[in-house]
Amino acid sequence: MKLLEHSRNLVRRFSQEVEFYKRVLRNPRTPRVSKVLLGVAIAYAVSPIDLIPDFIPVIGYLDDLIILPLLILVAIRLIPRSVIMECRQTKEDVTTVQRSGPNLLL
């Protein structure tokens, strides 16, 4: 049971992070460099082409585990804290509305 619950939490957290990155990319105050770095990270993640092919044991997947987080980390560090807080807070507001139902807005 705990494994299933843990898996659900991981999937939920992953989807929240994806939504956060979407909002960051859409925000006009996000620096262009950060948008490019996040775009490169997304493209690298979905691209079938890797720097080191995945069929090479361990090292093939290790490049994905290093390059993607590094690109995201650098991109996020370049974004002003106010933009990050705004994008995180927007997600919390939307989640509250979705959980409470449509009557909250009336």
PDB file of N, CA and C in Angstrom:
ATOM      1  N   MET A   1       0.804  -1.193   0.000  1.00  0.00           N
ATOM      2  CA  MET A   1       0.000   0.000   0.000  1.00  0.00           C
ATOM      3  C   MET A   1       0.856   1.270   0.000  1.00  0.00           C
ATOM      4  N   LYS A   2       1.901   1.276   0.818  1.00  0.00           N
ATOM      5  CA  LYS A   2       2.732   2.467   0.893  1.00  0.00           C
ATOM      6  C   LYS A   2       3.453   2.733  -0.426  1.00  0.00           C
ATOM      7  N   LEU A   3       3.819   1.685  -1.124  1.00  0.00           N
ATOM      8  CA  LEU A   3       4.482   1.859  -2.405  1.00  0.00           C
ATOM      9  C   LEU A   3       3.544   2.517  -3.411  1.00  0.00           C
ATOM     10  N   LEU A   4       2.308   2.093  -3.433  1.00  0.00           N
ATOM     11  CA  LEU A   4       1.315   2.676  -4.338  1.00  0.00           C
ATOM     12  C   LEU A   4       1.069   4.135  -3.985  1.00  0.00           C
ATOM     13  N   GLU A   5       0.942   4.429  -2.710  1.00  0.00           N
ATOM     14  CA  GLU A   5       0.725   5.807  -2.270  1.00  0.00           C
ATOM     15  C   GLU A   5       1.939   6.672  -2.589  1.00  0.00           C
ATOM     16  N   HIS A   6       3.115   6.139  -2.385  1.00  0.00           N
ATOM     17  CA  HIS A   6       4.348   6.863  -2.703  1.00  0.00           C
ATOM     18  C   HIS A   6       4.433   7.144  -4.204  1.00  0.00           C
ATOM     19  N   SER A   7       4.062   6.167  -5.009  1.00  0.00           N
ATOM     20  CA  SER A   7       4.069   6.344  -6.466  1.00  0.00           C
ATOM     21  C   SER A   7       3.092   7.428  -6.888  1.00  0.00           C
ATOM     22  N   ARG A   8       1.930   7.438  -6.293  1.00  0.00           N
ATOM     23  CA  ARG A   8       0.942   8.482  -6.608  1.00  0.00           C
ATOM     24  C   ARG A   8       1.455   9.858  -6.227  1.00  0.00           C
ATOM     25  N   ASN A   9       2.104   9.955  -5.083  1.00  0.00           N
ATOM     26  CA  ASN A   9       2.665  11.239  -4.665  1.00  0.00           C
ATOM     27  C   ASN A   9       3.749  11.711  -5.624  1.00  0.00           C
ATOM     28  N   LEU A  10       4.576  10.788  -6.096  1.00  0.00           N
ATOM     29  CA  LEU A  10       5.618  11.151  -7.058  1.00  0.00           C
ATOM     30  C   LEU A  10       5.019  11.651  -8.369  1.00  0.00           C
ATOM     31  N   VAL A  11       4.007  10.970  -8.848  1.00  0.00           N
ATOM     32  CA  VAL A  11       3.343  11.382 -10.094  1.00  0.00           C
ATOM     33  C   VAL A  11       2.690  12.744  -9.907  1.00  0.00           C
ATOM     34  N   ARG A  12       2.035  12.952  -8.779  1.00  0.00           N
ATOM     35  CA  ARG A  12       1.393  14.240  -8.496  1.00  0.00           C
ATOM     36  C   ARG A  12       2.434  15.351  -8.433  1.00  0.00           C
ATOM     37  N   ARG A  13       3.532  15.100  -7.757  1.00  0.00           N
ATOM     38  CA  ARG A  13       4.600  16.103  -7.637  1.00  0.00           C
ATOM     39  C   ARG A  13       5.212  16.426  -9.005  1.00  0.00           C
ATOM     40  N   PHE A  14       5.405  15.396  -9.813  1.00  0.00           N
ATOM     41  CA  PHE A  14       5.959  15.594 -11.147  1.00  0.00           C
ATOM     42  C   PHE A  14       5.024  16.460 -11.992  1.00  0.00           C
ATOM     43  N   SER A  15       3.731  16.177 -11.940  1.00  0.00           N
ATOM     44  CA  SER A  15       2.785  16.959 -12.734  1.00  0.00           C
ATOM     45  C   SER A  15       2.710  18.397 -12.228  1.00  0.00           C
ATOM     46  N   GLN A  16       2.849  18.609 -10.914  1.00  0.00           N
ATOM     47  CA  GLN A  16       2.875  19.966 -10.378  1.00  0.00           C
ATOM     48  C   GLN A  16       4.109  20.727 -10.875  1.00  0.00           C
ATOM     49  N   GLU A  17       5.241  20.051 -10.927  1.00  0.00           N
ATOM     50  CA  GLU A  17       6.459  20.699 -11.415  1.00  0.00           C
ATOM     51  C   GLU A  17       6.338  21.054 -12.895  1.00  0.00           C
ATOM     52  N   VAL A  18       5.754  20.171 -13.678  1.00  0.00           N
ATOM     53  CA  VAL A  18       5.561  20.453 -15.106  1.00  0.00           C
ATOM     54  C   VAL A  18       4.670  21.682 -15.279  1.00  0.00           C
ATOM     55  N   GLU A  19       3.591  21.762 -14.505  1.00  0.00           N
ATOM     56  CA  GLU A  19       2.711  22.928 -14.560  1.00  0.00           C
ATOM     57  C   GLU A  19       3.445  24.195 -14.141  1.00  0.00           C
ATOM     58  N   PHE A  20       4.295  24.099 -13.142  1.00  0.00           N
ATOM     59  CA  PHE A  20       5.089  25.245 -12.702  1.00  0.00           C
ATOM     60  C   PHE A  20       5.998  25.734 -13.825  1.00  0.00           C
ATOM     61  N   TYR A  21       6.677  24.809 -14.499  1.00  0.00           N
ATOM     62  CA  TYR A  21       7.576  25.200 -15.586  1.00  0.00           C
ATOM     63  C   TYR A  21       6.800  25.807 -16.749  1.00  0.00           C
ATOM     64  N   LYS A  22       5.600  25.335 -17.001  1.00  0.00           N
ATOM     65  CA  LYS A  22       4.762  25.937 -18.051  1.00  0.00           C
ATOM     66  C   LYS A  22       4.445  27.390 -17.703  1.00  0.00           C
ATOM     67  N   ARG A  23       4.063  27.631 -16.444  1.00  0.00           N
ATOM     68  CA  ARG A  23       3.738  29.003 -16.027  1.00  0.00           C
ATOM     69  C   ARG A  23       4.970  29.897 -16.081  1.00  0.00           C
ATOM     70  N   VAL A  24       6.113  29.354 -15.703  1.00  0.00           N
ATOM     71  CA  VAL A  24       7.358  30.132 -15.762  1.00  0.00           C
ATOM     72  C   VAL A  24       7.670  30.507 -17.212  1.00  0.00           C
ATOM     73  N   LEU A  25       7.498  29.570 -18.119  1.00  0.00           N
ATOM     74  CA  LEU A  25       7.778  29.853 -19.528  1.00  0.00           C
ATOM     75  C   LEU A  25       6.824  30.894 -20.102  1.00  0.00           C
ATOM     76  N   ARG A  26       5.588  30.918 -19.633  1.00  0.00           N
ATOM     77  CA  ARG A  26       4.593  31.873 -20.145  1.00  0.00           C
ATOM     78  C   ARG A  26       4.736  33.261 -19.517  1.00  0.00           C
ATOM     79  N   ASN A  27       5.387  33.355 -18.389  1.00  0.00           N
ATOM     80  CA  ASN A  27       5.482  34.622 -17.678  1.00  0.00           C
ATOM     81  C   ASN A  27       6.372  35.589 -18.455  1.00  0.00           C
ATOM     82  N   PRO A  28       5.882  36.806 -18.723  1.00  0.00           N
ATOM     83  CA  PRO A  28       6.691  37.770 -19.493  1.00  0.00           C
ATOM     84  C   PRO A  28       7.917  38.283 -18.750  1.00  0.00           C
ATOM     85  N   ARG A  29       7.949  38.133 -17.421  1.00  0.00           N
ATOM     86  CA  ARG A  29       9.109  38.608 -16.649  1.00  0.00           C
ATOM     87  C   ARG A  29      10.219  37.570 -16.547  1.00  0.00           C
ATOM     88  N   THR A  30      10.000  36.384 -17.096  1.00  0.00           N
ATOM     89  CA  THR A  30      11.047  35.361 -17.087  1.00  0.00           C
ATOM     90  C   THR A  30      12.120  35.746 -18.105  1.00  0.00           C
ATOM     91  N   PRO A  31      13.376  35.768 -17.683  1.00  0.00           N
ATOM     92  CA  PRO A  31      14.448  36.126 -18.626  1.00  0.00           C
ATOM     93  C   PRO A  31      14.504  35.164 -19.813  1.00  0.00           C
ATOM     94  N   ARG A  32      14.881  35.700 -20.942  1.00  0.00           N
ATOM     95  CA  ARG A  32      14.955  34.910 -22.173  1.00  0.00           C
ATOM     96  C   ARG A  32      15.926  33.734 -22.033  1.00  0.00           C
ATOM     97  N   VAL A  33      17.023  33.947 -21.333  1.00  0.00           N
ATOM     98  CA  VAL A  33      18.011  32.884 -21.145  1.00  0.00           C
ATOM     99  C   VAL A  33      17.386  31.697 -20.414  1.00  0.00           C
ATOM    100  N   SER A  34      16.588  31.974 -19.403  1.00  0.00           N
ATOM    101  CA  SER A  34      15.928  30.900 -18.663  1.00  0.00           C
ATOM    102  C   SER A  34      14.938  30.154 -19.536  1.00  0.00           C
ATOM    103  N   LYS A  35      14.212  30.900 -20.356  1.00  0.00           N
ATOM    104  CA  LYS A  35      13.264  30.251 -21.268  1.00  0.00           C
ATOM    105  C   LYS A  35      13.995  29.332 -22.245  1.00  0.00           C
ATOM    106  N   VAL A  36      15.130  29.783 -22.741  1.00  0.00           N
ATOM    107  CA  VAL A  36      15.912  28.968 -23.678  1.00  0.00           C
ATOM    108  C   VAL A  36      16.434  27.713 -22.971  1.00  0.00           C
ATOM    109  N   LEU A  37      16.976  27.872 -21.775  1.00  0.00           N
ATOM    110  CA  LEU A  37      17.510  26.724 -21.039  1.00  0.00           C
ATOM    111  C   LEU A  37      16.419  25.706 -20.712  1.00  0.00           C
ATOM    112  N   LEU A  38      15.250  26.182 -20.286  1.00  0.00           N
ATOM    113  CA  LEU A  38      14.144  25.262 -20.016  1.00  0.00           C
ATOM    114  C   LEU A  38      13.673  24.585 -21.296  1.00  0.00           C
ATOM    115  N   GLY A  39      13.655  25.336 -22.388  1.00  0.00           N
ATOM    116  CA  GLY A  39      13.288  24.745 -23.681  1.00  0.00           C
ATOM    117  C   GLY A  39      14.273  23.670 -24.116  1.00  0.00           C
ATOM    118  N   VAL A  40      15.548  23.931 -23.903  1.00  0.00           N
ATOM    119  CA  VAL A  40      16.573  22.938 -24.241  1.00  0.00           C
ATOM    120  C   VAL A  40      16.415  21.700 -23.354  1.00  0.00           C
ATOM    121  N   ALA A  41      16.119  21.896 -22.071  1.00  0.00           N
ATOM    122  CA  ALA A  41      15.926  20.766 -21.168  1.00  0.00           C
ATOM    123  C   ALA A  41      14.740  19.913 -21.605  1.00  0.00           C
ATOM    124  N   ILE A  42      13.649  20.570 -21.975  1.00  0.00           N
ATOM    125  CA  ILE A  42      12.467  19.835 -22.435  1.00  0.00           C
ATOM    126  C   ILE A  42      12.777  19.093 -23.727  1.00  0.00           C
ATOM    127  N   ALA A  43      13.430  19.776 -24.652  1.00  0.00           N
ATOM    128  CA  ALA A  43      13.767  19.142 -25.932  1.00  0.00           C
ATOM    129  C   ALA A  43      14.709  17.958 -25.728  1.00  0.00           C
ATOM    130  N   TYR A  44      15.670  18.107 -24.843  1.00  0.00           N
ATOM    131  CA  TYR A  44      16.612  17.014 -24.577  1.00  0.00           C
ATOM    132  C   TYR A  44      15.904  15.830 -23.922  1.00  0.00           C
ATOM    133  N   ALA A  45      14.939  16.132 -23.050  1.00  0.00           N
ATOM    134  CA  ALA A  45      14.218  15.060 -22.353  1.00  0.00           C
ATOM    135  C   ALA A  45      13.366  14.224 -23.312  1.00  0.00           C
ATOM    136  N   VAL A  46      12.749  14.861 -24.279  1.00  0.00           N
ATOM    137  CA  VAL A  46      11.856  14.128 -25.196  1.00  0.00           C
ATOM    138  C   VAL A  46      12.556  13.674 -26.472  1.00  0.00           C
ATOM    139  N   SER A  47      13.759  14.148 -26.691  1.00  0.00           N
ATOM    140  CA  SER A  47      14.486  13.793 -27.903  1.00  0.00           C
ATOM    141  C   SER A  47      15.029  12.365 -27.831  1.00  0.00           C
ATOM    142  N   PRO A  48      14.943  11.645 -28.928  1.00  0.00           N
ATOM    143  CA  PRO A  48      15.527  10.303 -28.938  1.00  0.00           C
ATOM    144  C   PRO A  48      17.051  10.324 -29.063  1.00  0.00           C
ATOM    145  N   ILE A  49      17.608  11.484 -29.328  1.00  0.00           N
ATOM    146  CA  ILE A  49      19.053  11.621 -29.491  1.00  0.00           C
ATOM    147  C   ILE A  49      19.670  12.047 -28.168  1.00  0.00           C
ATOM    148  N   ASP A  50      20.655  11.311 -27.695  1.00  0.00           N
ATOM    149  CA  ASP A  50      21.357  11.613 -26.452  1.00  0.00           C
ATOM    150  C   ASP A  50      22.834  11.851 -26.740  1.00  0.00           C
ATOM    151  N   LEU A  51      23.502  12.554 -25.816  1.00  0.00           N
ATOM    152  CA  LEU A  51      24.946  12.714 -25.946  1.00  0.00           C
ATOM    153  C   LEU A  51      25.647  11.374 -25.820  1.00  0.00           C
ATOM    154  N   ILE A  52      25.171  10.572 -24.865  1.00  0.00           N
ATOM    155  CA  ILE A  52      25.680   9.214 -24.682  1.00  0.00           C
ATOM    156  C   ILE A  52      24.497   8.283 -24.879  1.00  0.00           C
ATOM    157  N   PRO A  53      24.562   7.364 -25.825  1.00  0.00           N
ATOM    158  CA  PRO A  53      23.417   6.483 -26.098  1.00  0.00           C
ATOM    159  C   PRO A  53      22.989   5.690 -24.859  1.00  0.00           C
ATOM    160  N   ASP A  54      21.674   5.503 -24.738  1.00  0.00           N
ATOM    161  CA  ASP A  54      21.127   4.829 -23.553  1.00  0.00           C
ATOM    162  C   ASP A  54      21.449   3.339 -23.507  1.00  0.00           C
ATOM    163  N   PHE A  55      21.829   2.756 -24.622  1.00  0.00           N
ATOM    164  CA  PHE A  55      22.112   1.317 -24.598  1.00  0.00           C
ATOM    165  C   PHE A  55      23.436   1.000 -23.906  1.00  0.00           C
ATOM    166  N   ILE A  56      24.253   2.014 -23.625  1.00  0.00           N
ATOM    167  CA  ILE A  56      25.481   1.798 -22.862  1.00  0.00           C
ATOM    168  C   ILE A  56      25.079   1.721 -21.386  1.00  0.00           C
ATOM    169  N   PRO A  57      25.362   0.612 -20.731  1.00  0.00           N
ATOM    170  CA  PRO A  57      24.909   0.434 -19.341  1.00  0.00           C
ATOM    171  C   PRO A  57      25.380   1.555 -18.420  1.00  0.00           C
ATOM    172  N   VAL A  58      24.535   1.983 -17.551  1.00  0.00           N
ATOM    173  CA  VAL A  58      24.735   2.976 -16.507  1.00  0.00           C
ATOM    174  C   VAL A  58      25.073   4.359 -17.069  1.00  0.00           C
ATOM    175  N   ILE A  59      26.119   4.481 -17.828  1.00  0.00           N
ATOM    176  CA  ILE A  59      26.557   5.788 -18.331  1.00  0.00           C
ATOM    177  C   ILE A  59      25.520   6.386 -19.283  1.00  0.00           C
ATOM    178  N   GLY A  60      24.826   5.547 -20.022  1.00  0.00           N
ATOM    179  CA  GLY A  60      23.816   6.035 -20.962  1.00  0.00           C
ATOM    180  C   GLY A  60      22.690   6.783 -20.279  1.00  0.00           C
ATOM    181  N   TYR A  61      22.278   6.331 -19.116  1.00  0.00           N
ATOM    182  CA  TYR A  61      21.215   7.012 -18.378  1.00  0.00           C
ATOM    183  C   TYR A  61      21.768   8.083 -17.451  1.00  0.00           C
ATOM    184  N   LEU A  62      23.015   7.968 -17.104  1.00  0.00           N
ATOM    185  CA  LEU A  62      23.629   8.918 -16.196  1.00  0.00           C
ATOM    186  C   LEU A  62      23.677  10.319 -16.805  1.00  0.00           C
ATOM    187  N   ASP A  63      23.883  10.421 -18.110  1.00  0.00           N
ATOM    188  CA  ASP A  63      23.916  11.747 -18.730  1.00  0.00           C
ATOM    189  C   ASP A  63      22.557  12.432 -18.608  1.00  0.00           C
ATOM    190  N   ASP A  64      21.458  11.665 -18.707  1.00  0.00           N
ATOM    191  CA  ASP A  64      20.127  12.247 -18.534  1.00  0.00           C
ATOM    192  C   ASP A  64      19.925  12.720 -17.092  1.00  0.00           C
ATOM    193  N   LEU A  65      20.444  11.969 -16.147  1.00  0.00           N
ATOM    194  CA  LEU A  65      20.283  12.322 -14.742  1.00  0.00           C
ATOM    195  C   LEU A  65      21.148  13.499 -14.320  1.00  0.00           C
ATOM    196  N   ILE A  66      22.133  13.847 -15.120  1.00  0.00           N
ATOM    197  CA  ILE A  66      22.997  14.985 -14.800  1.00  0.00           C
ATOM    198  C   ILE A  66      22.621  16.213 -15.617  1.00  0.00           C
ATOM    199  N   ILE A  67      22.438  16.055 -16.909  1.00  0.00           N
ATOM    200  CA  ILE A  67      22.203  17.194 -17.802  1.00  0.00           C
ATOM    201  C   ILE A  67      20.856  17.865 -17.541  1.00  0.00           C
ATOM    202  N   LEU A  68      19.787  17.090 -17.445  1.00  0.00           N
ATOM    203  CA  LEU A  68      18.460  17.683 -17.261  1.00  0.00           C
ATOM    204  C   LEU A  68      18.347  18.494 -15.968  1.00  0.00           C
ATOM    205  N   PRO A  69      18.688  17.923 -14.815  1.00  0.00           N
ATOM    206  CA  PRO A  69      18.597  18.735 -13.593  1.00  0.00           C
ATOM    207  C   PRO A  69      19.527  19.947 -13.609  1.00  0.00           C
ATOM    208  N   LEU A  70      20.683  19.812 -14.228  1.00  0.00           N
ATOM    209  CA  LEU A  70      21.615  20.932 -14.299  1.00  0.00           C
ATOM    210  C   LEU A  70      21.040  22.085 -15.123  1.00  0.00           C
ATOM    211  N   LEU A  71      20.449  21.764 -16.277  1.00  0.00           N
ATOM    212  CA  LEU A  71      19.820  22.796 -17.109  1.00  0.00           C
ATOM    213  C   LEU A  71      18.679  23.483 -16.361  1.00  0.00           C
ATOM    214  N   ILE A  72      17.862  22.690 -15.685  1.00  0.00           N
ATOM    215  CA  ILE A  72      16.736  23.253 -14.950  1.00  0.00           C
ATOM    216  C   ILE A  72      17.220  24.104 -13.782  1.00  0.00           C
ATOM    217  N   LEU A  73      18.232  23.639 -13.065  1.00  0.00           N
ATOM    218  CA  LEU A  73      18.780  24.385 -11.937  1.00  0.00           C
ATOM    219  C   LEU A  73      19.315  25.746 -12.375  1.00  0.00           C
ATOM    220  N   VAL A  74      20.087  25.772 -13.442  1.00  0.00           N
ATOM    221  CA  VAL A  74      20.650  27.035 -13.939  1.00  0.00           C
ATOM    222  C   VAL A  74      19.531  27.968 -14.397  1.00  0.00           C
ATOM    223  N   ALA A  75      18.543  27.423 -15.092  1.00  0.00           N
ATOM    224  CA  ALA A  75      17.430  28.248 -15.575  1.00  0.00           C
ATOM    225  C   ALA A  75      16.660  28.864 -14.415  1.00  0.00           C
ATOM    226  N   ILE A  76      16.375  28.072 -13.397  1.00  0.00           N
ATOM    227  CA  ILE A  76      15.613  28.565 -12.251  1.00  0.00           C
ATOM    228  C   ILE A  76      16.405  29.598 -11.456  1.00  0.00           C
ATOM    229  N   ARG A  77      17.705  29.419 -11.348  1.00  0.00           N
ATOM    230  CA  ARG A  77      18.546  30.379 -10.615  1.00  0.00           C
ATOM    231  C   ARG A  77      18.574  31.747 -11.296  1.00  0.00           C
ATOM    232  N   LEU A  78      18.356  31.782 -12.606  1.00  0.00           N
ATOM    233  CA  LEU A  78      18.377  33.043 -13.345  1.00  0.00           C
ATOM    234  C   LEU A  78      17.040  33.786 -13.311  1.00  0.00           C
ATOM    235  N   ILE A  79      16.008  33.125 -12.829  1.00  0.00           N
ATOM    236  CA  ILE A  79      14.670  33.735 -12.776  1.00  0.00           C
ATOM    237  C   ILE A  79      14.546  34.503 -11.462  1.00  0.00           C
ATOM    238  N   PRO A  80      14.010  35.738 -11.524  1.00  0.00           N
ATOM    239  CA  PRO A  80      13.816  36.494 -10.274  1.00  0.00           C
ATOM    240  C   PRO A  80      12.911  35.739  -9.294  1.00  0.00           C
ATOM    241  N   ARG A  81      13.229  35.861  -8.027  1.00  0.00           N
ATOM    242  CA  ARG A  81      12.483  35.145  -6.987  1.00  0.00           C
ATOM    243  C   ARG A  81      11.000  35.516  -6.998  1.00  0.00           C
ATOM    244  N   SER A  82      10.685  36.765  -7.329  1.00  0.00           N
ATOM    245  CA  SER A  82       9.279  37.182  -7.345  1.00  0.00           C
ATOM    246  C   SER A  82       8.481  36.424  -8.411  1.00  0.00           C
ATOM    247  N   VAL A  83       9.105  36.150  -9.542  1.00  0.00           N
ATOM    248  CA  VAL A  83       8.439  35.394 -10.604  1.00  0.00           C
ATOM    249  C   VAL A  83       8.222  33.950 -10.147  1.00  0.00           C
ATOM    250  N   ILE A  84       9.219  33.368  -9.521  1.00  0.00           N
ATOM    251  CA  ILE A  84       9.097  31.987  -9.040  1.00  0.00           C
ATOM    252  C   ILE A  84       7.989  31.890  -7.993  1.00  0.00           C
ATOM    253  N   MET A  85       7.970  32.826  -7.058  1.00  0.00           N
ATOM    254  CA  MET A  85       6.940  32.797  -6.024  1.00  0.00           C
ATOM    255  C   MET A  85       5.550  32.987  -6.621  1.00  0.00           C
ATOM    256  N   GLU A  86       5.449  33.866  -7.596  1.00  0.00           N
ATOM    257  CA  GLU A  86       4.159  34.100  -8.258  1.00  0.00           C
ATOM    258  C   GLU A  86       3.678  32.843  -8.973  1.00  0.00           C
ATOM    259  N   CYS A  87       4.560  32.178  -9.668  1.00  0.00           N
ATOM    260  CA  CYS A  87       4.184  30.972 -10.400  1.00  0.00           C
ATOM    261  C   CYS A  87       3.857  29.821  -9.453  1.00  0.00           C
ATOM    262  N   ARG A  88       4.567  29.689  -8.360  1.00  0.00           N
ATOM    263  CA  ARG A  88       4.260  28.654  -7.358  1.00  0.00           C
ATOM    264  C   ARG A  88       2.926  28.954  -6.681  1.00  0.00           C
ATOM    265  N   GLN A  89       2.705  30.218  -6.337  1.00  0.00           N
ATOM    266  CA  GLN A  89       1.478  30.603  -5.651  1.00  0.00           C
ATOM    267  C   GLN A  89       0.265  30.434  -6.562  1.00  0.00           C
ATOM    268  N   THR A  90       0.414  30.713  -7.835  1.00  0.00           N
ATOM    269  CA  THR A  90      -0.678  30.536  -8.781  1.00  0.00           C
ATOM    270  C   THR A  90      -1.128  29.091  -8.777  1.00  0.00           C
ATOM    271  N   LYS A  91      -0.219  28.156  -8.713  1.00  0.00           N
ATOM    272  CA  LYS A  91      -0.562  26.737  -8.688  1.00  0.00           C
ATOM    273  C   LYS A  91      -1.336  26.408  -7.426  1.00  0.00           C
ATOM    274  N   GLU A  92      -0.926  26.953  -6.287  1.00  0.00           N
ATOM    275  CA  GLU A  92      -1.618  26.673  -5.042  1.00  0.00           C
ATOM    276  C   GLU A  92      -3.034  27.217  -5.077  1.00  0.00           C
ATOM    277  N   ASP A  93      -3.228  28.411  -5.666  1.00  0.00           N
ATOM    278  CA  ASP A  93      -4.563  28.992  -5.771  1.00  0.00           C
ATOM    279  C   ASP A  93      -5.461  28.138  -6.647  1.00  0.00           C
ATOM    280  N   VAL A  94      -4.936  27.659  -7.766  1.00  0.00           N
ATOM    281  CA  VAL A  94      -5.710  26.823  -8.679  1.00  0.00           C
ATOM    282  C   VAL A  94      -6.065  25.502  -8.012  1.00  0.00           C
ATOM    283  N   THR A  95      -5.128  24.910  -7.286  1.00  0.00           N
ATOM    284  CA  THR A  95      -5.389  23.646  -6.597  1.00  0.00           C
ATOM    285  C   THR A  95      -6.483  23.834  -5.544  1.00  0.00           C
ATOM    286  N   THR A  96      -6.457  24.941  -4.818  1.00  0.00           N
ATOM    287  CA  THR A  96      -7.474  25.208  -3.803  1.00  0.00           C
ATOM    288  C   THR A  96      -8.849  25.325  -4.440  1.00  0.00           C
ATOM    289  N   VAL A  97      -8.947  26.017  -5.553  1.00  0.00           N
ATOM    290  CA  VAL A  97     -10.217  26.179  -6.251  1.00  0.00           C
ATOM    291  C   VAL A  97     -10.711  24.836  -6.754  1.00  0.00           C
ATOM    292  N   GLN A  98      -9.823  24.017  -7.314  1.00  0.00           N
ATOM    293  CA  GLN A  98     -10.230  22.718  -7.843  1.00  0.00           C
ATOM    294  C   GLN A  98     -10.715  21.805  -6.721  1.00  0.00           C
ATOM    295  N   ARG A  99     -10.074  21.825  -5.572  1.00  0.00           N
ATOM    296  CA  ARG A  99     -10.471  20.951  -4.465  1.00  0.00           C
ATOM    297  C   ARG A  99     -11.766  21.424  -3.824  1.00  0.00           C
ATOM    298  N   SER A 100     -11.950  22.751  -3.756  1.00  0.00           N
ATOM    299  CA  SER A 100     -13.121  23.282  -3.085  1.00  0.00           C
ATOM    300  C   SER A 100     -14.374  23.211  -3.943  1.00  0.00           C
ATOM    301  N   GLY A 101     -14.192  23.155  -5.234  1.00  0.00           N
ATOM    302  CA  GLY A 101     -15.343  23.098  -6.125  1.00  0.00           C
ATOM    303  C   GLY A 101     -15.652  24.466  -6.694  1.00  0.00           C
ATOM    304  N   PRO A 102     -16.590  24.534  -7.617  1.00  0.00           N
ATOM    305  CA  PRO A 102     -16.882  25.777  -8.308  1.00  0.00           C
ATOM    306  C   PRO A 102     -17.579  26.822  -7.437  1.00  0.00           C
ATOM    307  N   ASN A 103     -18.181  26.464  -6.307  1.00  0.00           N
ATOM    308  CA  ASN A 103     -18.901  27.415  -5.468  1.00  0.00           C
ATOM    309  C   ASN A 103     -17.992  28.397  -4.763  1.00  0.00           C
ATOM    310  N   LEU A 104     -16.699  28.126  -4.695  1.00  0.00           N
ATOM    311  CA  LEU A 104     -15.762  29.008  -4.018  1.00  0.00           C
ATOM    312  C   LEU A 104     -15.703  30.365  -4.710  1.00  0.00           C
ATOM    313  N   LEU A 105     -15.863  30.395  -6.008  1.00  0.00           N
ATOM    314  CA  LEU A 105     -15.747  31.629  -6.760  1.00  0.00           C
ATOM    315  C   LEU A 105     -17.014  32.480  -6.699  1.00  0.00           C
ATOM    316  N   LEU A 106     -18.112  31.940  -6.247  1.00  0.00           N
ATOM    317  CA  LEU A 106     -19.373  32.688  -6.223  1.00  0.00           C
ATOM    318  C   LEU A 106     -19.510  33.579  -5.012  1.00  0.00           C
TER     319      LEU A 106
END
